[in-house]
Structure formats: structure tokens, C-alpha cells
Amino acid sequence: MSSACSRRDPAGEFDITTRAIRFYEEKGYLSPSRNGTRRIYSSTDRAALRLILRGKRLGLSQDETAEMIRMYGSLGGNRKQLEKFILQIGEKRAEPKRKQRDLEVLLNDLQGVEDRRCSTSANRTKMPEPKMACHAADFPAVYLTFVSPGAKIL
């Protein structure tokens, strides 16, 4: 369904800025026809905008999204588009899964250090137990600072 409208109309419909609409037009992702100064966004333009926003939400690059848009509506393109999309989703999913495994290893390592510290500090009598200035859970990476009792923190 085509309708004459300004950039504000699809911007409001898709909850994006008019600047984003202009950007996608300049990149060639959207090609509204014109009726005087009014733009006519076709169903293809709206589908392309949906693909752009879906790709962005899923972490696809603009080039990957542009490839999906080019396949849209071509002979056999919708099936190719779906297959390509599923492949890209699998690739995008692999990265957070790898990061999740890395974080689990990190958390296990930190727990091991903490467990060893607690068990060895119970056996110490001469040296005072170091106090942690912070907990590892407070930071996304391994930044542990040990402070001796009475030490001044700058």
C-alpha cells in the first residue's frame, strides 16, 4: 500500500528519527517516489525499513542488511533472503555464546582464587589478612585490588 507522506510518517510508524529516514534514502536503502514535494513510500520501502531495523537490532552490519534488502522481492530472493538471514543469525549467536563461556571460565577462576584465599588465610598467623577493596562482581573484567590493613587509598 503506497501513500504520499513526509519523512515524519514512516519515522513515527517505526519509531525512528527523520534523520535516519534521510540517511537510509541517501544510502539507497529506501527509494520513495515523489509527487511534488511529497514522498510516496511503497510497501517495498516499508519492508526494507523493517529489514534495516531488524538487522540493526540483531547486530548485522549495514552491508549485510543491504544484501538482504537487495534480495527482497527478487525471483527466489525471499527464500535466499531467509536462508541468508538464518545463517547470519547463527553467526551472530556464536559470538555471545563464546563470550558467555569465557565469562563462566572467568567467574570459576575468580571463585577459585577467592576460595583459596579464604582457606589459606585461616592457616596464617603472622601476616594480617589482606582486605579486598572491591568485589570482582563490581567490575566486568578482572581488576582486583588488595589493600593491607591501615593502608591509605589515594
N, C-alpha and C. Protein backbone atom coordinates (compact mmCIF):
# COMPACT_ATOMS: atom_id res chain seq x y z
N MET A 1 0.85 -1.19 0.00
CA MET A 1 0.00 0.00 0.00
C MET A 1 0.89 1.24 0.00
N SER A 2 0.75 2.08 -0.98
CA SER A 2 1.53 3.30 -1.09
C SER A 2 0.72 4.47 -0.58
N SER A 3 1.41 5.43 -0.01
CA SER A 3 0.73 6.65 0.43
C SER A 3 1.71 7.79 0.39
N ALA A 4 1.22 8.95 0.00
CA ALA A 4 2.06 10.14 -0.03
C ALA A 4 2.20 10.64 1.40
N CYS A 5 3.43 10.95 1.77
CA CYS A 5 3.65 11.38 3.14
C CYS A 5 5.01 12.06 3.24
N SER A 6 5.27 12.60 4.39
CA SER A 6 6.58 13.19 4.66
C SER A 6 7.44 12.14 5.35
N ARG A 7 8.67 12.46 5.60
CA ARG A 7 9.55 11.52 6.31
C ARG A 7 9.04 11.28 7.72
N ARG A 8 8.27 12.23 8.23
CA ARG A 8 7.75 12.09 9.59
C ARG A 8 6.83 10.88 9.74
N ASP A 9 6.08 10.55 8.69
CA ASP A 9 5.11 9.46 8.79
C ASP A 9 5.78 8.10 9.02
N PRO A 10 6.73 7.66 8.16
CA PRO A 10 7.38 6.38 8.47
C PRO A 10 8.26 6.47 9.72
N ALA A 11 8.80 7.65 10.00
CA ALA A 11 9.61 7.81 11.21
C ALA A 11 8.75 7.53 12.44
N GLY A 12 7.55 8.07 12.45
CA GLY A 12 6.63 7.81 13.57
C GLY A 12 6.17 6.37 13.61
N GLU A 13 5.89 5.81 12.43
CA GLU A 13 5.42 4.43 12.35
C GLU A 13 6.46 3.44 12.88
N PHE A 14 7.74 3.71 12.60
CA PHE A 14 8.81 2.79 13.00
C PHE A 14 9.60 3.28 14.21
N ASP A 15 9.18 4.40 14.77
CA ASP A 15 9.81 4.96 15.97
C ASP A 15 11.30 5.24 15.76
N ILE A 16 11.62 5.93 14.66
CA ILE A 16 12.98 6.36 14.37
C ILE A 16 12.94 7.83 13.98
N THR A 17 14.08 8.46 13.83
CA THR A 17 14.11 9.88 13.52
C THR A 17 13.99 10.12 12.01
N THR A 18 13.58 11.33 11.66
CA THR A 18 13.53 11.68 10.24
C THR A 18 14.93 11.70 9.65
N ARG A 19 15.91 12.00 10.47
CA ARG A 19 17.31 11.97 10.01
C ARG A 19 17.70 10.55 9.60
N ALA A 20 17.23 9.56 10.34
CA ALA A 20 17.52 8.17 9.99
C ALA A 20 16.87 7.82 8.64
N ILE A 21 15.64 8.27 8.43
CA ILE A 21 14.96 8.04 7.14
C ILE A 21 15.78 8.67 6.02
N ARG A 22 16.21 9.92 6.22
CA ARG A 22 17.02 10.61 5.22
C ARG A 22 18.31 9.84 4.95
N PHE A 23 18.96 9.36 6.00
CA PHE A 23 20.20 8.58 5.86
C PHE A 23 19.96 7.33 5.01
N TYR A 24 18.89 6.60 5.31
CA TYR A 24 18.60 5.38 4.55
C TYR A 24 18.26 5.69 3.09
N GLU A 25 17.63 6.82 2.85
CA GLU A 25 17.37 7.24 1.47
C GLU A 25 18.69 7.56 0.76
N GLU A 26 19.58 8.30 1.44
CA GLU A 26 20.87 8.66 0.84
C GLU A 26 21.71 7.42 0.54
N LYS A 27 21.62 6.39 1.38
CA LYS A 27 22.36 5.15 1.16
C LYS A 27 21.73 4.30 0.04
N GLY A 28 20.51 4.65 -0.34
CA GLY A 28 19.83 3.89 -1.39
C GLY A 28 19.01 2.73 -0.87
N TYR A 29 18.85 2.62 0.44
CA TYR A 29 18.07 1.53 1.02
C TYR A 29 16.57 1.76 0.82
N LEU A 30 16.17 3.03 0.80
CA LEU A 30 14.78 3.41 0.56
C LEU A 30 14.74 4.27 -0.70
N SER A 31 13.73 4.04 -1.52
CA SER A 31 13.60 4.80 -2.77
C SER A 31 12.17 5.25 -2.97
N PRO A 32 11.72 6.19 -2.15
CA PRO A 32 10.33 6.63 -2.32
C PRO A 32 10.17 7.40 -3.63
N SER A 33 9.05 7.19 -4.28
CA SER A 33 8.76 8.02 -5.45
C SER A 33 8.24 9.35 -4.93
N ARG A 34 8.12 10.31 -5.83
CA ARG A 34 7.71 11.64 -5.39
C ARG A 34 6.49 12.11 -6.16
N ASN A 35 5.69 12.85 -5.45
CA ASN A 35 4.54 13.52 -6.03
C ASN A 35 4.66 14.97 -5.58
N GLY A 36 5.35 15.77 -6.39
CA GLY A 36 5.67 17.13 -5.98
C GLY A 36 6.73 17.06 -4.91
N THR A 37 6.43 17.64 -3.76
CA THR A 37 7.38 17.60 -2.65
C THR A 37 7.10 16.44 -1.69
N ARG A 38 6.04 15.73 -1.93
CA ARG A 38 5.66 14.61 -1.06
C ARG A 38 6.34 13.33 -1.52
N ARG A 39 6.72 12.52 -0.58
CA ARG A 39 7.31 11.21 -0.88
C ARG A 39 6.23 10.14 -0.79
N ILE A 40 6.36 9.16 -1.66
CA ILE A 40 5.42 8.04 -1.62
C ILE A 40 6.23 6.80 -1.28
N TYR A 41 6.05 6.32 -0.05
CA TYR A 41 6.76 5.14 0.43
C TYR A 41 5.92 3.91 0.09
N SER A 42 6.47 3.06 -0.73
CA SER A 42 5.76 1.84 -1.15
C SER A 42 5.87 0.77 -0.08
N SER A 43 5.15 -0.32 -0.29
CA SER A 43 5.25 -1.44 0.64
C SER A 43 6.67 -2.00 0.63
N THR A 44 7.37 -1.92 -0.50
CA THR A 44 8.76 -2.36 -0.59
C THR A 44 9.65 -1.49 0.29
N ASP A 45 9.41 -0.17 0.27
CA ASP A 45 10.18 0.73 1.14
C ASP A 45 9.95 0.41 2.61
N ARG A 46 8.70 0.14 2.96
CA ARG A 46 8.38 -0.19 4.35
C ARG A 46 9.01 -1.53 4.75
N ALA A 47 8.98 -2.50 3.83
CA ALA A 47 9.61 -3.80 4.12
C ALA A 47 11.12 -3.61 4.28
N ALA A 48 11.72 -2.78 3.43
CA ALA A 48 13.16 -2.51 3.54
C ALA A 48 13.47 -1.86 4.88
N LEU A 49 12.64 -0.94 5.30
CA LEU A 49 12.85 -0.28 6.59
C LEU A 49 12.72 -1.29 7.74
N ARG A 50 11.76 -2.21 7.64
CA ARG A 50 11.65 -3.26 8.66
C ARG A 50 12.92 -4.11 8.70
N LEU A 51 13.43 -4.46 7.51
CA LEU A 51 14.66 -5.27 7.45
C LEU A 51 15.85 -4.51 8.04
N ILE A 52 15.95 -3.24 7.73
CA ILE A 52 17.04 -2.41 8.25
C ILE A 52 17.01 -2.41 9.78
N LEU A 53 15.84 -2.17 10.33
CA LEU A 53 15.72 -2.07 11.79
C LEU A 53 15.91 -3.43 12.45
N ARG A 54 15.41 -4.49 11.82
CA ARG A 54 15.60 -5.84 12.37
C ARG A 54 17.09 -6.19 12.34
N GLY A 55 17.75 -5.90 11.21
CA GLY A 55 19.18 -6.18 11.10
C GLY A 55 19.99 -5.41 12.13
N LYS A 56 19.63 -4.15 12.33
CA LYS A 56 20.33 -3.32 13.31
C LYS A 56 20.15 -3.88 14.71
N ARG A 57 18.93 -4.27 15.03
CA ARG A 57 18.63 -4.83 16.35
C ARG A 57 19.40 -6.12 16.60
N LEU A 58 19.62 -6.90 15.53
CA LEU A 58 20.32 -8.18 15.66
C LEU A 58 21.82 -8.07 15.48
N GLY A 59 22.30 -6.85 15.25
CA GLY A 59 23.74 -6.65 15.17
C GLY A 59 24.33 -6.87 13.79
N LEU A 60 23.51 -6.88 12.74
CA LEU A 60 24.03 -7.03 11.39
C LEU A 60 24.66 -5.72 10.94
N SER A 61 25.67 -5.81 10.11
CA SER A 61 26.29 -4.59 9.57
C SER A 61 25.37 -4.00 8.50
N GLN A 62 25.64 -2.76 8.11
CA GLN A 62 24.85 -2.14 7.05
C GLN A 62 25.01 -2.89 5.74
N ASP A 63 26.20 -3.40 5.46
CA ASP A 63 26.42 -4.17 4.24
C ASP A 63 25.61 -5.46 4.24
N GLU A 64 25.56 -6.15 5.39
CA GLU A 64 24.77 -7.37 5.48
C GLU A 64 23.29 -7.07 5.29
N THR A 65 22.85 -5.98 5.89
CA THR A 65 21.45 -5.59 5.76
C THR A 65 21.14 -5.19 4.31
N ALA A 66 22.05 -4.45 3.67
CA ALA A 66 21.85 -4.03 2.28
C ALA A 66 21.72 -5.25 1.37
N GLU A 67 22.51 -6.29 1.63
CA GLU A 67 22.42 -7.51 0.84
C GLU A 67 21.05 -8.15 0.99
N MET A 68 20.52 -8.14 2.21
CA MET A 68 19.19 -8.69 2.46
C MET A 68 18.13 -7.89 1.70
N ILE A 69 18.28 -6.57 1.68
CA ILE A 69 17.31 -5.71 1.00
C ILE A 69 17.35 -5.98 -0.50
N ARG A 70 18.56 -6.13 -1.05
CA ARG A 70 18.67 -6.41 -2.49
C ARG A 70 18.00 -7.72 -2.88
N MET A 71 18.01 -8.70 -1.99
CA MET A 71 17.37 -9.99 -2.27
C MET A 71 15.86 -9.91 -2.19
N TYR A 72 15.34 -8.96 -1.43
CA TYR A 72 13.90 -8.85 -1.20
C TYR A 72 13.15 -8.65 -2.51
N GLY A 73 12.16 -9.48 -2.74
CA GLY A 73 11.29 -9.31 -3.90
C GLY A 73 11.83 -9.87 -5.21
N SER A 74 13.10 -10.30 -5.25
CA SER A 74 13.63 -10.86 -6.49
C SER A 74 13.16 -12.31 -6.64
N LEU A 75 13.25 -12.84 -7.85
CA LEU A 75 12.82 -14.20 -8.13
C LEU A 75 13.61 -15.17 -7.24
N GLY A 76 12.94 -15.87 -6.38
CA GLY A 76 13.59 -16.79 -5.46
C GLY A 76 14.33 -16.08 -4.34
N GLY A 77 14.28 -14.76 -4.36
CA GLY A 77 15.04 -13.96 -3.39
C GLY A 77 14.55 -14.10 -1.97
N ASN A 78 13.24 -14.24 -1.80
CA ASN A 78 12.72 -14.33 -0.44
C ASN A 78 13.23 -15.58 0.26
N ARG A 79 13.32 -16.69 -0.48
CA ARG A 79 13.88 -17.93 0.10
C ARG A 79 15.37 -17.74 0.38
N LYS A 80 16.10 -17.14 -0.57
CA LYS A 80 17.53 -16.88 -0.38
C LYS A 80 17.73 -15.94 0.81
N GLN A 81 16.85 -14.95 0.88
CA GLN A 81 16.93 -13.98 1.96
C GLN A 81 16.76 -14.67 3.31
N LEU A 82 15.78 -15.55 3.41
CA LEU A 82 15.53 -16.26 4.65
C LEU A 82 16.72 -17.16 5.00
N GLU A 83 17.25 -17.89 4.02
CA GLU A 83 18.40 -18.76 4.28
C GLU A 83 19.61 -17.94 4.73
N LYS A 84 19.85 -16.83 4.07
CA LYS A 84 20.98 -15.96 4.42
C LYS A 84 20.78 -15.39 5.83
N PHE A 85 19.56 -14.99 6.13
CA PHE A 85 19.24 -14.42 7.43
C PHE A 85 19.49 -15.45 8.53
N ILE A 86 19.05 -16.68 8.31
CA ILE A 86 19.25 -17.74 9.30
C ILE A 86 20.75 -17.99 9.51
N LEU A 87 21.51 -18.00 8.43
CA LEU A 87 22.96 -18.19 8.53
C LEU A 87 23.59 -17.05 9.33
N GLN A 88 23.20 -15.81 9.04
CA GLN A 88 23.75 -14.66 9.76
C GLN A 88 23.38 -14.70 11.24
N ILE A 89 22.17 -15.13 11.55
CA ILE A 89 21.74 -15.23 12.95
C ILE A 89 22.61 -16.26 13.68
N GLY A 90 22.87 -17.38 13.01
CA GLY A 90 23.74 -18.40 13.62
C GLY A 90 25.12 -17.86 13.91
N GLU A 91 25.67 -17.08 12.97
CA GLU A 91 26.99 -16.49 13.17
C GLU A 91 26.96 -15.47 14.31
N LYS A 92 25.92 -14.66 14.36
CA LYS A 92 25.80 -13.64 15.41
C LYS A 92 25.61 -14.30 16.77
N ARG A 93 24.90 -15.42 16.81
CA ARG A 93 24.66 -16.11 18.07
C ARG A 93 25.94 -16.74 18.61
N ALA A 94 26.81 -17.19 17.73
CA ALA A 94 28.04 -17.87 18.14
C ALA A 94 28.93 -16.95 18.99
N GLU A 95 29.02 -15.69 18.64
CA GLU A 95 29.90 -14.75 19.36
C GLU A 95 29.46 -14.55 20.81
N PRO A 96 28.19 -14.23 21.09
CA PRO A 96 27.81 -14.10 22.51
C PRO A 96 27.92 -15.41 23.28
N LYS A 97 27.69 -16.54 22.61
CA LYS A 97 27.86 -17.84 23.27
C LYS A 97 29.32 -18.04 23.68
N ARG A 98 30.26 -17.68 22.79
CA ARG A 98 31.68 -17.78 23.11
C ARG A 98 32.02 -16.87 24.29
N LYS A 99 31.50 -15.65 24.25
CA LYS A 99 31.75 -14.71 25.36
C LYS A 99 31.15 -15.23 26.66
N GLN A 100 29.99 -15.87 26.57
CA GLN A 100 29.36 -16.43 27.76
C GLN A 100 30.24 -17.52 28.36
N ARG A 101 30.79 -18.39 27.52
CA ARG A 101 31.69 -19.45 28.01
C ARG A 101 32.93 -18.83 28.66
N ASP A 102 33.49 -17.79 28.01
CA ASP A 102 34.66 -17.11 28.58
C ASP A 102 34.34 -16.51 29.94
N LEU A 103 33.16 -15.91 30.07
CA LEU A 103 32.77 -15.32 31.36
C LEU A 103 32.58 -16.39 32.42
N GLU A 104 32.03 -17.54 32.04
CA GLU A 104 31.86 -18.63 33.00
C GLU A 104 33.22 -19.12 33.50
N VAL A 105 34.20 -19.23 32.60
CA VAL A 105 35.55 -19.63 33.00
C VAL A 105 36.14 -18.59 33.94
N LEU A 106 35.98 -17.30 33.58
CA LEU A 106 36.48 -16.22 34.42
C LEU A 106 35.86 -16.27 35.82
N LEU A 107 34.54 -16.44 35.88
CA LEU A 107 33.87 -16.50 37.18
C LEU A 107 34.34 -17.70 38.00
N ASN A 108 34.53 -18.83 37.36
CA ASN A 108 35.05 -20.01 38.07
C ASN A 108 36.46 -19.75 38.59
N ASP A 109 37.30 -19.12 37.77
CA ASP A 109 38.66 -18.79 38.21
C ASP A 109 38.64 -17.85 39.40
N LEU A 110 37.81 -16.84 39.33
CA LEU A 110 37.70 -15.88 40.44
C LEU A 110 37.22 -16.58 41.71
N GLN A 111 36.25 -17.46 41.56
CA GLN A 111 35.74 -18.20 42.72
C GLN A 111 36.85 -19.06 43.32
N GLY A 112 37.66 -19.68 42.46
CA GLY A 112 38.78 -20.49 42.94
C GLY A 112 39.79 -19.67 43.71
N VAL A 113 40.12 -18.48 43.20
CA VAL A 113 41.06 -17.59 43.90
C VAL A 113 40.48 -17.19 45.24
N GLU A 114 39.21 -16.84 45.25
CA GLU A 114 38.58 -16.43 46.50
C GLU A 114 38.54 -17.59 47.50
N ASP A 115 38.22 -18.79 47.03
CA ASP A 115 38.18 -19.96 47.92
C ASP A 115 39.57 -20.25 48.49
N ARG A 116 40.61 -20.17 47.64
CA ARG A 116 41.98 -20.42 48.12
C ARG A 116 42.39 -19.35 49.12
N ARG A 117 42.04 -18.11 48.86
CA ARG A 117 42.38 -17.02 49.77
C ARG A 117 41.75 -17.24 51.13
N CYS A 118 40.51 -17.66 51.14
CA CYS A 118 39.81 -17.89 52.41
C CYS A 118 40.41 -19.06 53.16
N SER A 119 40.76 -20.13 52.45
CA SER A 119 41.31 -21.31 53.13
C SER A 119 42.73 -21.06 53.62
N THR A 120 43.55 -20.32 52.88
CA THR A 120 44.93 -20.05 53.33
C THR A 120 44.97 -18.99 54.41
N SER A 121 44.06 -18.06 54.41
CA SER A 121 44.09 -17.02 55.44
C SER A 121 43.73 -17.59 56.80
N ALA A 122 42.99 -18.68 56.85
CA ALA A 122 42.65 -19.31 58.12
C ALA A 122 43.89 -19.98 58.74
N ASN A 123 44.85 -20.37 57.89
CA ASN A 123 46.06 -21.04 58.37
C ASN A 123 47.17 -20.06 58.71
N ARG A 124 47.06 -18.80 58.33
CA ARG A 124 48.10 -17.80 58.59
C ARG A 124 47.95 -17.24 59.99
N THR A 125 49.09 -17.00 60.63
CA THR A 125 49.04 -16.36 61.94
C THR A 125 49.89 -15.11 61.98
N LYS A 126 50.98 -15.04 61.21
CA LYS A 126 51.90 -13.91 61.28
C LYS A 126 51.45 -12.71 60.45
N MET A 127 50.98 -12.94 59.21
CA MET A 127 50.64 -11.83 58.33
C MET A 127 49.15 -11.51 58.43
N PRO A 128 48.81 -10.22 58.49
CA PRO A 128 47.38 -9.88 58.52
C PRO A 128 46.74 -10.22 57.17
N GLU A 129 45.49 -10.58 57.23
CA GLU A 129 44.75 -10.95 56.02
C GLU A 129 44.49 -9.70 55.18
N PRO A 130 44.82 -9.75 53.88
CA PRO A 130 44.52 -8.59 53.03
C PRO A 130 43.01 -8.45 52.86
N LYS A 131 42.58 -7.21 52.76
CA LYS A 131 41.15 -6.96 52.54
C LYS A 131 40.94 -6.54 51.10
N MET A 132 39.89 -7.03 50.54
CA MET A 132 39.57 -6.64 49.16
C MET A 132 38.92 -5.26 49.19
N ALA A 133 39.44 -4.36 48.35
CA ALA A 133 38.86 -3.02 48.27
C ALA A 133 37.53 -3.06 47.53
N CYS A 134 37.33 -4.09 46.73
CA CYS A 134 36.11 -4.22 45.95
C CYS A 134 35.87 -5.69 45.67
N HIS A 135 34.71 -6.00 45.17
CA HIS A 135 34.39 -7.37 44.77
C HIS A 135 34.53 -7.48 43.26
N ALA A 136 34.98 -8.63 42.80
CA ALA A 136 35.16 -8.85 41.36
C ALA A 136 33.84 -8.66 40.63
N ALA A 137 32.73 -8.94 41.28
CA ALA A 137 31.42 -8.81 40.63
C ALA A 137 31.09 -7.35 40.30
N ASP A 138 31.79 -6.42 40.94
CA ASP A 138 31.55 -5.00 40.69
C ASP A 138 32.14 -4.54 39.37
N PHE A 139 33.02 -5.33 38.76
CA PHE A 139 33.72 -4.94 37.56
C PHE A 139 33.55 -5.98 36.48
N PRO A 140 33.47 -5.55 35.21
CA PRO A 140 33.30 -6.51 34.12
C PRO A 140 34.56 -7.29 33.81
N ALA A 141 35.72 -6.82 34.18
CA ALA A 141 36.97 -7.52 33.90
C ALA A 141 37.66 -7.81 35.22
N VAL A 142 38.79 -8.48 35.17
CA VAL A 142 39.50 -8.87 36.38
C VAL A 142 40.35 -7.71 36.86
N TYR A 143 39.82 -6.94 37.78
CA TYR A 143 40.56 -5.84 38.39
C TYR A 143 40.41 -6.00 39.90
N LEU A 144 41.29 -6.75 40.50
CA LEU A 144 41.24 -6.96 41.94
C LEU A 144 42.32 -6.13 42.60
N THR A 145 41.97 -5.39 43.64
CA THR A 145 42.92 -4.58 44.37
C THR A 145 42.92 -5.03 45.81
N PHE A 146 44.07 -5.47 46.28
CA PHE A 146 44.19 -5.87 47.67
C PHE A 146 44.84 -4.74 48.45
N VAL A 147 44.28 -4.45 49.61
CA VAL A 147 44.76 -3.36 50.45
C VAL A 147 45.12 -3.93 51.80
N SER A 148 46.33 -3.62 52.26
CA SER A 148 46.74 -4.05 53.60
C SER A 148 46.01 -3.21 54.63
N PRO A 149 45.74 -3.79 55.81
CA PRO A 149 45.07 -3.01 56.85
C PRO A 149 45.88 -1.75 57.18
N GLY A 150 45.21 -0.63 57.27
CA GLY A 150 45.86 0.63 57.62
C GLY A 150 46.46 1.36 56.41
N ALA A 151 46.41 0.78 55.22
CA ALA A 151 46.98 1.43 54.05
C ALA A 151 46.08 2.58 53.62
N LYS A 152 46.72 3.63 53.12
CA LYS A 152 45.96 4.78 52.64
C LYS A 152 45.61 4.57 51.16
N ILE A 153 44.37 4.82 50.81
CA ILE A 153 43.92 4.69 49.42
C ILE A 153 43.88 6.08 48.81
N LEU A 154 44.58 6.24 47.71
CA LEU A 154 44.64 7.56 47.05
C LEU A 154 43.46 7.76 46.15
